Amino acid sequence: MSKLKFEKNIVIFIVILISFVVVLVAVFGEKGLFDLYKLHNEEVVLQENLGQLKKQKQEWIEKITILKTNKNSIKNLAREKLGLINRNETVLLLPKKLKE
């Protein structure tokens, strides 16, 4: 009877050990729950970045459309970014003291 009980305990121990290993692999192994959680978080961040990039793309498309269709927009942009003036305009350069 004692030998039968011992064998039964060994079988139970092996089943518990195998179950424990399976749970560890499922949680921490490659493609386990832990990796799945990290991948989900990374996906959320990438989706947010994608949304921002789509918005930025739409803004650039609108700017390009305006520059292609509105002649004054190019002139205004040249004035703002490059400091260009028209032929009939005069530039006044003020001393630094007067600017402040």
PDB file of N, CA and C in Angstrom:
ATOM      1  N   MET A   1       0.809  -1.185   0.000  1.00  0.00           N
ATOM      2  CA  MET A   1       0.000   0.000   0.000  1.00  0.00           C
ATOM      3  C   MET A   1       0.858   1.257   0.000  1.00  0.00           C
ATOM      4  N   SER A   2       1.925   1.211   0.697  1.00  0.00           N
ATOM      5  CA  SER A   2       2.813   2.355   0.814  1.00  0.00           C
ATOM      6  C   SER A   2       3.448   2.689  -0.522  1.00  0.00           C
ATOM      7  N   LYS A   3       3.818   1.641  -1.280  1.00  0.00           N
ATOM      8  CA  LYS A   3       4.420   1.856  -2.575  1.00  0.00           C
ATOM      9  C   LYS A   3       3.412   2.494  -3.518  1.00  0.00           C
ATOM     10  N   LEU A   4       2.163   2.102  -3.477  1.00  0.00           N
ATOM     11  CA  LEU A   4       1.104   2.648  -4.311  1.00  0.00           C
ATOM     12  C   LEU A   4       0.858   4.113  -3.988  1.00  0.00           C
ATOM     13  N   LYS A   5       0.878   4.438  -2.709  1.00  0.00           N
ATOM     14  CA  LYS A   5       0.697   5.825  -2.275  1.00  0.00           C
ATOM     15  C   LYS A   5       1.859   6.694  -2.753  1.00  0.00           C
ATOM     16  N   PHE A   6       3.052   6.148  -2.667  1.00  0.00           N
ATOM     17  CA  PHE A   6       4.253   6.865  -3.103  1.00  0.00           C
ATOM     18  C   PHE A   6       4.185   7.159  -4.612  1.00  0.00           C
ATOM     19  N   GLU A   7       3.792   6.138  -5.391  1.00  0.00           N
ATOM     20  CA  GLU A   7       3.674   6.317  -6.836  1.00  0.00           C
ATOM     21  C   GLU A   7       2.590   7.338  -7.169  1.00  0.00           C
ATOM     22  N   LYS A   8       1.509   7.313  -6.417  1.00  0.00           N
ATOM     23  CA  LYS A   8       0.423   8.265  -6.633  1.00  0.00           C
ATOM     24  C   LYS A   8       0.903   9.677  -6.338  1.00  0.00           C
ATOM     25  N   ASN A   9       1.673   9.835  -5.265  1.00  0.00           N
ATOM     26  CA  ASN A   9       2.219  11.153  -4.929  1.00  0.00           C
ATOM     27  C   ASN A   9       3.190  11.655  -5.986  1.00  0.00           C
ATOM     28  N   ILE A  10       3.989  10.751  -6.532  1.00  0.00           N
ATOM     29  CA  ILE A  10       4.936  11.139  -7.592  1.00  0.00           C
ATOM     30  C   ILE A  10       4.172  11.593  -8.837  1.00  0.00           C
ATOM     31  N   VAL A  11       3.119  10.872  -9.198  1.00  0.00           N
ATOM     32  CA  VAL A  11       2.312  11.240 -10.366  1.00  0.00           C
ATOM     33  C   VAL A  11       1.672  12.618 -10.142  1.00  0.00           C
ATOM     34  N   ILE A  12       1.140  12.841  -8.958  1.00  0.00           N
ATOM     35  CA  ILE A  12       0.536  14.142  -8.645  1.00  0.00           C
ATOM     36  C   ILE A  12       1.588  15.243  -8.700  1.00  0.00           C
ATOM     37  N   PHE A  13       2.754  14.963  -8.163  1.00  0.00           N
ATOM     38  CA  PHE A  13       3.842  15.944  -8.190  1.00  0.00           C
ATOM     39  C   PHE A  13       4.248  16.274  -9.632  1.00  0.00           C
ATOM     40  N   ILE A  14       4.369  15.255 -10.472  1.00  0.00           N
ATOM     41  CA  ILE A  14       4.754  15.464 -11.874  1.00  0.00           C
ATOM     42  C   ILE A  14       3.681  16.267 -12.607  1.00  0.00           C
ATOM     43  N   VAL A  15       2.419  15.964 -12.360  1.00  0.00           N
ATOM     44  CA  VAL A  15       1.324  16.707 -12.993  1.00  0.00           C
ATOM     45  C   VAL A  15       1.349  18.167 -12.548  1.00  0.00           C
ATOM     46  N   ILE A  16       1.557  18.398 -11.260  1.00  0.00           N
ATOM     47  CA  ILE A  16       1.628  19.769 -10.742  1.00  0.00           C
ATOM     48  C   ILE A  16       2.829  20.500 -11.330  1.00  0.00           C
ATOM     49  N   LEU A  17       3.956  19.825 -11.394  1.00  0.00           N
ATOM     50  CA  LEU A  17       5.166  20.421 -11.947  1.00  0.00           C
ATOM     51  C   LEU A  17       4.982  20.781 -13.419  1.00  0.00           C
ATOM     52  N   ILE A  18       4.410  19.872 -14.187  1.00  0.00           N
ATOM     53  CA  ILE A  18       4.162  20.140 -15.610  1.00  0.00           C
ATOM     54  C   ILE A  18       3.180  21.298 -15.769  1.00  0.00           C
ATOM     55  N   SER A  19       2.146  21.313 -14.953  1.00  0.00           N
ATOM     56  CA  SER A  19       1.172  22.405 -15.002  1.00  0.00           C
ATOM     57  C   SER A  19       1.839  23.743 -14.683  1.00  0.00           C
ATOM     58  N   PHE A  20       2.708  23.744 -13.689  1.00  0.00           N
ATOM     59  CA  PHE A  20       3.427  24.958 -13.306  1.00  0.00           C
ATOM     60  C   PHE A  20       4.307  25.451 -14.455  1.00  0.00           C
ATOM     61  N   VAL A  21       5.008  24.541 -15.096  1.00  0.00           N
ATOM     62  CA  VAL A  21       5.878  24.895 -16.226  1.00  0.00           C
ATOM     63  C   VAL A  21       5.040  25.448 -17.379  1.00  0.00           C
ATOM     64  N   VAL A  22       3.912  24.826 -17.649  1.00  0.00           N
ATOM     65  CA  VAL A  22       3.037  25.292 -18.728  1.00  0.00           C
ATOM     66  C   VAL A  22       2.546  26.710 -18.434  1.00  0.00           C
ATOM     67  N   VAL A  23       2.156  26.964 -17.204  1.00  0.00           N
ATOM     68  CA  VAL A  23       1.703  28.306 -16.824  1.00  0.00           C
ATOM     69  C   VAL A  23       2.843  29.314 -16.958  1.00  0.00           C
ATOM     70  N   LEU A  24       4.028  28.966 -16.508  1.00  0.00           N
ATOM     71  CA  LEU A  24       5.177  29.870 -16.647  1.00  0.00           C
ATOM     72  C   LEU A  24       5.467  30.186 -18.106  1.00  0.00           C
ATOM     73  N   VAL A  25       5.439  29.174 -18.955  1.00  0.00           N
ATOM     74  CA  VAL A  25       5.698  29.387 -20.384  1.00  0.00           C
ATOM     75  C   VAL A  25       4.589  30.251 -20.993  1.00  0.00           C
ATOM     76  N   ALA A  26       3.345  30.005 -20.595  1.00  0.00           N
ATOM     77  CA  ALA A  26       2.226  30.781 -21.151  1.00  0.00           C
ATOM     78  C   ALA A  26       2.301  32.244 -20.745  1.00  0.00           C
ATOM     79  N   VAL A  27       2.792  32.515 -19.559  1.00  0.00           N
ATOM     80  CA  VAL A  27       2.848  33.891 -19.080  1.00  0.00           C
ATOM     81  C   VAL A  27       4.135  34.586 -19.522  1.00  0.00           C
ATOM     82  N   PHE A  28       5.265  33.954 -19.315  1.00  0.00           N
ATOM     83  CA  PHE A  28       6.547  34.619 -19.527  1.00  0.00           C
ATOM     84  C   PHE A  28       7.300  34.140 -20.767  1.00  0.00           C
ATOM     85  N   GLY A  29       6.858  33.120 -21.418  1.00  0.00           N
ATOM     86  CA  GLY A  29       7.577  32.584 -22.567  1.00  0.00           C
ATOM     87  C   GLY A  29       7.443  33.480 -23.786  1.00  0.00           C
ATOM     88  N   GLU A  30       8.130  33.073 -24.837  1.00  0.00           N
ATOM     89  CA  GLU A  30       8.050  33.812 -26.091  1.00  0.00           C
ATOM     90  C   GLU A  30       6.603  33.782 -26.581  1.00  0.00           C
ATOM     91  N   LYS A  31       6.080  34.948 -26.924  1.00  0.00           N
ATOM     92  CA  LYS A  31       4.689  35.117 -27.344  1.00  0.00           C
ATOM     93  C   LYS A  31       3.722  34.763 -26.220  1.00  0.00           C
ATOM     94  N   GLY A  32       4.152  34.952 -25.003  1.00  0.00           N
ATOM     95  CA  GLY A  32       3.288  34.693 -23.855  1.00  0.00           C
ATOM     96  C   GLY A  32       2.470  35.928 -23.517  1.00  0.00           C
ATOM     97  N   LEU A  33       1.764  35.862 -22.409  1.00  0.00           N
ATOM     98  CA  LEU A  33       0.901  36.968 -21.998  1.00  0.00           C
ATOM     99  C   LEU A  33       1.683  38.253 -21.736  1.00  0.00           C
ATOM    100  N   PHE A  34       2.873  38.121 -21.189  1.00  0.00           N
ATOM    101  CA  PHE A  34       3.690  39.304 -20.901  1.00  0.00           C
ATOM    102  C   PHE A  34       4.087  40.000 -22.199  1.00  0.00           C
ATOM    103  N   ASP A  35       4.537  39.234 -23.186  1.00  0.00           N
ATOM    104  CA  ASP A  35       4.882  39.804 -24.488  1.00  0.00           C
ATOM    105  C   ASP A  35       3.646  40.375 -25.176  1.00  0.00           C
ATOM    106  N   LEU A  36       2.540  39.704 -25.047  1.00  0.00           N
ATOM    107  CA  LEU A  36       1.296  40.184 -25.628  1.00  0.00           C
ATOM    108  C   LEU A  36       0.907  41.537 -25.037  1.00  0.00           C
ATOM    109  N   TYR A  37       1.071  41.702 -23.747  1.00  0.00           N
ATOM    110  CA  TYR A  37       0.782  42.972 -23.083  1.00  0.00           C
ATOM    111  C   TYR A  37       1.705  44.073 -23.597  1.00  0.00           C
ATOM    112  N   LYS A  38       3.007  43.767 -23.728  1.00  0.00           N
ATOM    113  CA  LYS A  38       3.953  44.759 -24.242  1.00  0.00           C
ATOM    114  C   LYS A  38       3.613  45.135 -25.679  1.00  0.00           C
ATOM    115  N   LEU A  39       3.263  44.159 -26.483  1.00  0.00           N
ATOM    116  CA  LEU A  39       2.908  44.429 -27.877  1.00  0.00           C
ATOM    117  C   LEU A  39       1.647  45.281 -27.977  1.00  0.00           C
ATOM    118  N   HIS A  40       0.702  45.029 -27.082  1.00  0.00           N
ATOM    119  CA  HIS A  40      -0.520  45.835 -27.079  1.00  0.00           C
ATOM    120  C   HIS A  40      -0.202  47.293 -26.758  1.00  0.00           C
ATOM    121  N   ASN A  41       0.644  47.519 -25.765  1.00  0.00           N
ATOM    122  CA  ASN A  41       1.025  48.887 -25.419  1.00  0.00           C
ATOM    123  C   ASN A  41       1.765  49.562 -26.570  1.00  0.00           C
ATOM    124  N   GLU A  42       2.628  48.813 -27.220  1.00  0.00           N
ATOM    125  CA  GLU A  42       3.364  49.365 -28.365  1.00  0.00           C
ATOM    126  C   GLU A  42       2.399  49.703 -29.503  1.00  0.00           C
ATOM    127  N   GLU A  43       1.396  48.866 -29.698  1.00  0.00           N
ATOM    128  CA  GLU A  43       0.400  49.127 -30.739  1.00  0.00           C
ATOM    129  C   GLU A  43      -0.370  50.412 -30.458  1.00  0.00           C
ATOM    130  N   VAL A  44      -0.717  50.629 -29.206  1.00  0.00           N
ATOM    131  CA  VAL A  44      -1.444  51.850 -28.828  1.00  0.00           C
ATOM    132  C   VAL A  44      -0.604  53.083 -29.149  1.00  0.00           C
ATOM    133  N   VAL A  45       0.680  53.047 -28.795  1.00  0.00           N
ATOM    134  CA  VAL A  45       1.576  54.176 -29.071  1.00  0.00           C
ATOM    135  C   VAL A  45       1.699  54.400 -30.571  1.00  0.00           C
ATOM    136  N   LEU A  46       1.851  53.323 -31.326  1.00  0.00           N
ATOM    137  CA  LEU A  46       1.982  53.450 -32.780  1.00  0.00           C
ATOM    138  C   LEU A  46       0.699  53.986 -33.413  1.00  0.00           C
ATOM    139  N   GLN A  47      -0.450  53.585 -32.895  1.00  0.00           N
ATOM    140  CA  GLN A  47      -1.717  54.102 -33.413  1.00  0.00           C
ATOM    141  C   GLN A  47      -1.837  55.598 -33.150  1.00  0.00           C
ATOM    142  N   GLU A  48      -1.400  56.042 -31.973  1.00  0.00           N
ATOM    143  CA  GLU A  48      -1.427  57.476 -31.667  1.00  0.00           C
ATOM    144  C   GLU A  48      -0.507  58.236 -32.618  1.00  0.00           C
ATOM    145  N   ASN A  49       0.700  57.695 -32.844  1.00  0.00           N
ATOM    146  CA  ASN A  49       1.637  58.334 -33.770  1.00  0.00           C
ATOM    147  C   ASN A  49       1.055  58.374 -35.180  1.00  0.00           C
ATOM    148  N   LEU A  50       0.398  57.302 -35.582  1.00  0.00           N
ATOM    149  CA  LEU A  50      -0.206  57.257 -36.902  1.00  0.00           C
ATOM    150  C   LEU A  50      -1.287  58.329 -37.039  1.00  0.00           C
ATOM    151  N   GLY A  51      -2.081  58.507 -36.007  1.00  0.00           N
ATOM    152  CA  GLY A  51      -3.112  59.545 -36.026  1.00  0.00           C
ATOM    153  C   GLY A  51      -2.504  60.932 -36.171  1.00  0.00           C
ATOM    154  N   GLN A  52      -1.425  61.183 -35.442  1.00  0.00           N
ATOM    155  CA  GLN A  52      -0.754  62.481 -35.535  1.00  0.00           C
ATOM    156  C   GLN A  52      -0.162  62.684 -36.925  1.00  0.00           C
ATOM    157  N   LEU A  53       0.428  61.642 -37.485  1.00  0.00           N
ATOM    158  CA  LEU A  53       1.022  61.748 -38.816  1.00  0.00           C
ATOM    159  C   LEU A  53      -0.044  61.970 -39.892  1.00  0.00           C
ATOM    160  N   LYS A  54      -1.192  61.329 -39.745  1.00  0.00           N
ATOM    161  CA  LYS A  54      -2.276  61.549 -40.703  1.00  0.00           C
ATOM    162  C   LYS A  54      -2.774  62.987 -40.633  1.00  0.00           C
ATOM    163  N   LYS A  55      -2.881  63.512 -39.421  1.00  0.00           N
ATOM    164  CA  LYS A  55      -3.305  64.905 -39.250  1.00  0.00           C
ATOM    165  C   LYS A  55      -2.276  65.844 -39.873  1.00  0.00           C
ATOM    166  N   GLN A  56      -0.997  65.585 -39.618  1.00  0.00           N
ATOM    167  CA  GLN A  56       0.066  66.416 -40.184  1.00  0.00           C
ATOM    168  C   GLN A  56       0.064  66.332 -41.713  1.00  0.00           C
ATOM    169  N   LYS A  57      -0.159  65.147 -42.249  1.00  0.00           N
ATOM    170  CA  LYS A  57      -0.226  64.972 -43.702  1.00  0.00           C
ATOM    171  C   LYS A  57      -1.350  65.807 -44.287  1.00  0.00           C
ATOM    172  N   GLN A  58      -2.508  65.793 -43.634  1.00  0.00           N
ATOM    173  CA  GLN A  58      -3.652  66.572 -44.113  1.00  0.00           C
ATOM    174  C   GLN A  58      -3.341  68.064 -44.079  1.00  0.00           C
ATOM    175  N   GLU A  59      -2.660  68.511 -43.041  1.00  0.00           N
ATOM    176  CA  GLU A  59      -2.277  69.922 -42.956  1.00  0.00           C
ATOM    177  C   GLU A  59      -1.343  70.295 -44.099  1.00  0.00           C
ATOM    178  N   TRP A  60      -0.368  69.421 -44.413  1.00  0.00           N
ATOM    179  CA  TRP A  60       0.559  69.690 -45.516  1.00  0.00           C
ATOM    180  C   TRP A  60      -0.171  69.709 -46.854  1.00  0.00           C
ATOM    181  N   ILE A  61      -1.116  68.802 -47.031  1.00  0.00           N
ATOM    182  CA  ILE A  61      -1.897  68.785 -48.274  1.00  0.00           C
ATOM    183  C   ILE A  61      -2.668  70.090 -48.436  1.00  0.00           C
ATOM    184  N   GLU A  62      -3.252  70.579 -47.338  1.00  0.00           N
ATOM    185  CA  GLU A  62      -3.985  71.839 -47.394  1.00  0.00           C
ATOM    186  C   GLU A  62      -3.053  73.004 -47.729  1.00  0.00           C
ATOM    187  N   LYS A  63      -1.856  73.025 -47.118  1.00  0.00           N
ATOM    188  CA  LYS A  63      -0.892  74.088 -47.416  1.00  0.00           C
ATOM    189  C   LYS A  63      -0.457  74.043 -48.877  1.00  0.00           C
ATOM    190  N   ILE A  64      -0.215  72.853 -49.392  1.00  0.00           N
ATOM    191  CA  ILE A  64       0.196  72.712 -50.795  1.00  0.00           C
ATOM    192  C   ILE A  64      -0.913  73.186 -51.721  1.00  0.00           C
ATOM    193  N   THR A  65      -2.145  72.825 -51.405  1.00  0.00           N
ATOM    194  CA  THR A  65      -3.283  73.251 -52.219  1.00  0.00           C
ATOM    195  C   THR A  65      -3.396  74.768 -52.239  1.00  0.00           C
ATOM    196  N   ILE A  66      -3.232  75.375 -51.076  1.00  0.00           N
ATOM    197  CA  ILE A  66      -3.303  76.842 -51.001  1.00  0.00           C
ATOM    198  C   ILE A  66      -2.186  77.470 -51.828  1.00  0.00           C
ATOM    199  N   LEU A  67      -0.975  76.939 -51.717  1.00  0.00           N
ATOM    200  CA  LEU A  67       0.147  77.492 -52.473  1.00  0.00           C
ATOM    201  C   LEU A  67      -0.039  77.306 -53.981  1.00  0.00           C
ATOM    202  N   LYS A  68      -0.674  76.231 -54.400  1.00  0.00           N
ATOM    203  CA  LYS A  68      -0.899  75.993 -55.817  1.00  0.00           C
ATOM    204  C   LYS A  68      -2.011  76.866 -56.384  1.00  0.00           C
ATOM    205  N   THR A  69      -3.011  77.164 -55.567  1.00  0.00           N
ATOM    206  CA  THR A  69      -4.191  77.860 -56.084  1.00  0.00           C
ATOM    207  C   THR A  69      -4.199  79.357 -55.808  1.00  0.00           C
ATOM    208  N   ASN A  70      -3.522  79.815 -54.781  1.00  0.00           N
ATOM    209  CA  ASN A  70      -3.577  81.227 -54.395  1.00  0.00           C
ATOM    210  C   ASN A  70      -2.217  81.878 -54.674  1.00  0.00           C
ATOM    211  N   LYS A  71      -2.181  82.777 -55.642  1.00  0.00           N
ATOM    212  CA  LYS A  71      -0.925  83.432 -56.014  1.00  0.00           C
ATOM    213  C   LYS A  71      -0.377  84.296 -54.887  1.00  0.00           C
ATOM    214  N   ASN A  72      -1.245  84.919 -54.149  1.00  0.00           N
ATOM    215  CA  ASN A  72      -0.787  85.788 -53.052  1.00  0.00           C
ATOM    216  C   ASN A  72      -0.163  84.994 -51.904  1.00  0.00           C
ATOM    217  N   SER A  73      -0.525  83.731 -51.775  1.00  0.00           N
ATOM    218  CA  SER A  73       0.034  82.934 -50.679  1.00  0.00           C
ATOM    219  C   SER A  73       1.536  82.751 -50.846  1.00  0.00           C
ATOM    220  N   ILE A  74       2.005  82.583 -52.079  1.00  0.00           N
ATOM    221  CA  ILE A  74       3.445  82.445 -52.317  1.00  0.00           C
ATOM    222  C   ILE A  74       4.148  83.754 -52.003  1.00  0.00           C
ATOM    223  N   LYS A  75       3.558  84.871 -52.414  1.00  0.00           N
ATOM    224  CA  LYS A  75       4.157  86.180 -52.109  1.00  0.00           C
ATOM    225  C   LYS A  75       4.227  86.402 -50.598  1.00  0.00           C
ATOM    226  N   ASN A  76       3.146  86.076 -49.923  1.00  0.00           N
ATOM    227  CA  ASN A  76       3.122  86.254 -48.461  1.00  0.00           C
ATOM    228  C   ASN A  76       4.153  85.361 -47.779  1.00  0.00           C
ATOM    229  N   LEU A  77       4.284  84.136 -48.238  1.00  0.00           N
ATOM    230  CA  LEU A  77       5.263  83.218 -47.673  1.00  0.00           C
ATOM    231  C   LEU A  77       6.685  83.735 -47.906  1.00  0.00           C
ATOM    232  N   ALA A  78       6.951  84.272 -49.099  1.00  0.00           N
ATOM    233  CA  ALA A  78       8.268  84.831 -49.401  1.00  0.00           C
ATOM    234  C   ALA A  78       8.561  86.035 -48.506  1.00  0.00           C
ATOM    235  N   ARG A  79       7.552  86.823 -48.239  1.00  0.00           N
ATOM    236  CA  ARG A  79       7.730  87.979 -47.336  1.00  0.00           C
ATOM    237  C   ARG A  79       8.061  87.516 -45.915  1.00  0.00           C
ATOM    238  N   GLU A  80       7.302  86.545 -45.428  1.00  0.00           N
ATOM    239  CA  GLU A  80       7.483  86.084 -44.046  1.00  0.00           C
ATOM    240  C   GLU A  80       8.800  85.344 -43.846  1.00  0.00           C
ATOM    241  N   LYS A  81       9.063  84.378 -44.717  1.00  0.00           N
ATOM    242  CA  LYS A  81      10.214  83.492 -44.509  1.00  0.00           C
ATOM    243  C   LYS A  81      11.525  84.061 -45.044  1.00  0.00           C
ATOM    244  N   LEU A  82      11.461  84.764 -46.174  1.00  0.00           N
ATOM    245  CA  LEU A  82      12.685  85.224 -46.821  1.00  0.00           C
ATOM    246  C   LEU A  82      12.920  86.726 -46.715  1.00  0.00           C
ATOM    247  N   GLY A  83      11.913  87.443 -46.233  1.00  0.00           N
ATOM    248  CA  GLY A  83      12.061  88.897 -46.101  1.00  0.00           C
ATOM    249  C   GLY A  83      12.073  89.620 -47.441  1.00  0.00           C
ATOM    250  N   LEU A  84      11.445  89.058 -48.455  1.00  0.00           N
ATOM    251  CA  LEU A  84      11.407  89.680 -49.776  1.00  0.00           C
ATOM    252  C   LEU A  84      10.405  90.821 -49.804  1.00  0.00           C
ATOM    253  N   ILE A  85      10.644  91.758 -50.717  1.00  0.00           N
ATOM    254  CA  ILE A  85       9.746  92.907 -50.879  1.00  0.00           C
ATOM    255  C   ILE A  85       9.403  93.054 -52.350  1.00  0.00           C
ATOM    256  N   ASN A  86       8.352  93.831 -52.626  1.00  0.00           N
ATOM    257  CA  ASN A  86       7.981  94.132 -54.010  1.00  0.00           C
ATOM    258  C   ASN A  86       8.924  95.187 -54.577  1.00  0.00           C
ATOM    259  N   ARG A  87       8.902  95.355 -55.892  1.00  0.00           N
ATOM    260  CA  ARG A  87       9.785  96.317 -56.557  1.00  0.00           C
ATOM    261  C   ARG A  87       9.487  97.751 -56.154  1.00  0.00           C
ATOM    262  N   ASN A  88       8.250  98.077 -55.909  1.00  0.00           N
ATOM    263  CA  ASN A  88       7.884  99.457 -55.597  1.00  0.00           C
ATOM    264  C   ASN A  88       7.889  99.766 -54.093  1.00  0.00           C
ATOM    265  N   GLU A  89       8.397  98.877 -53.285  1.00  0.00           N
ATOM    266  CA  GLU A  89       8.454  99.104 -51.836  1.00  0.00           C
ATOM    267  C   GLU A  89       9.851  99.544 -51.420  1.00  0.00           C
ATOM    268  N   THR A  90       9.892 100.307 -50.323  1.00  0.00           N
ATOM    269  CA  THR A  90      11.155 100.785 -49.769  1.00  0.00           C
ATOM    270  C   THR A  90      11.341 100.168 -48.390  1.00  0.00           C
ATOM    271  N   VAL A  91      12.551  99.750 -48.101  1.00  0.00           N
ATOM    272  CA  VAL A  91      12.863  99.149 -46.813  1.00  0.00           C
ATOM    273  C   VAL A  91      13.476 100.213 -45.917  1.00  0.00           C
ATOM    274  N   LEU A  92      12.980 100.311 -44.711  1.00  0.00           N
ATOM    275  CA  LEU A  92      13.548 101.217 -43.713  1.00  0.00           C
ATOM    276  C   LEU A  92      14.259 100.376 -42.667  1.00  0.00           C
ATOM    277  N   LEU A  93      15.525 100.601 -42.505  1.00  0.00           N
ATOM    278  CA  LEU A  93      16.297  99.904 -41.486  1.00  0.00           C
ATOM    279  C   LEU A  93      16.451 100.835 -40.291  1.00  0.00           C
ATOM    280  N   LEU A  94      15.909 100.436 -39.167  1.00  0.00           N
ATOM    281  CA  LEU A  94      15.957 101.242 -37.962  1.00  0.00           C
ATOM    282  C   LEU A  94      17.115 100.791 -37.086  1.00  0.00           C
ATOM    283  N   PRO A  95      17.725 101.725 -36.368  1.00  0.00           N
ATOM    284  CA  PRO A  95      18.776 101.318 -35.425  1.00  0.00           C
ATOM    285  C   PRO A  95      18.182 100.425 -34.342  1.00  0.00           C
ATOM    286  N   LYS A  96      19.020  99.640 -33.738  1.00  0.00           N
ATOM    287  CA  LYS A  96      18.561  98.698 -32.715  1.00  0.00           C
ATOM    288  C   LYS A  96      17.913  99.399 -31.525  1.00  0.00           C
ATOM    289  N   LYS A  97      18.409 100.563 -31.164  1.00  0.00           N
ATOM    290  CA  LYS A  97      17.867 101.293 -30.023  1.00  0.00           C
ATOM    291  C   LYS A  97      16.420 101.679 -30.260  1.00  0.00           C
ATOM    292  N   LEU A  98      16.079 102.055 -31.453  1.00  0.00           N
ATOM    293  CA  LEU A  98      14.703 102.446 -31.745  1.00  0.00           C
ATOM    294  C   LEU A  98      13.769 101.220 -31.810  1.00  0.00           C
ATOM    295  N   LYS A  99      14.307 100.092 -32.155  1.00  0.00           N
ATOM    296  CA  LYS A  99      13.500  98.886 -32.219  1.00  0.00           C
ATOM    297  C   LYS A  99      13.014  98.471 -30.831  1.00  0.00           C
ATOM    298  N   GLU A 100      13.837  98.661 -29.838  1.00  0.00           N
ATOM    299  CA  GLU A 100      13.476  98.226 -28.487  1.00  0.00           C
ATOM    300  C   GLU A 100      12.523  99.204 -27.920  1.00  0.00           C
TER     301      GLU A 100
END
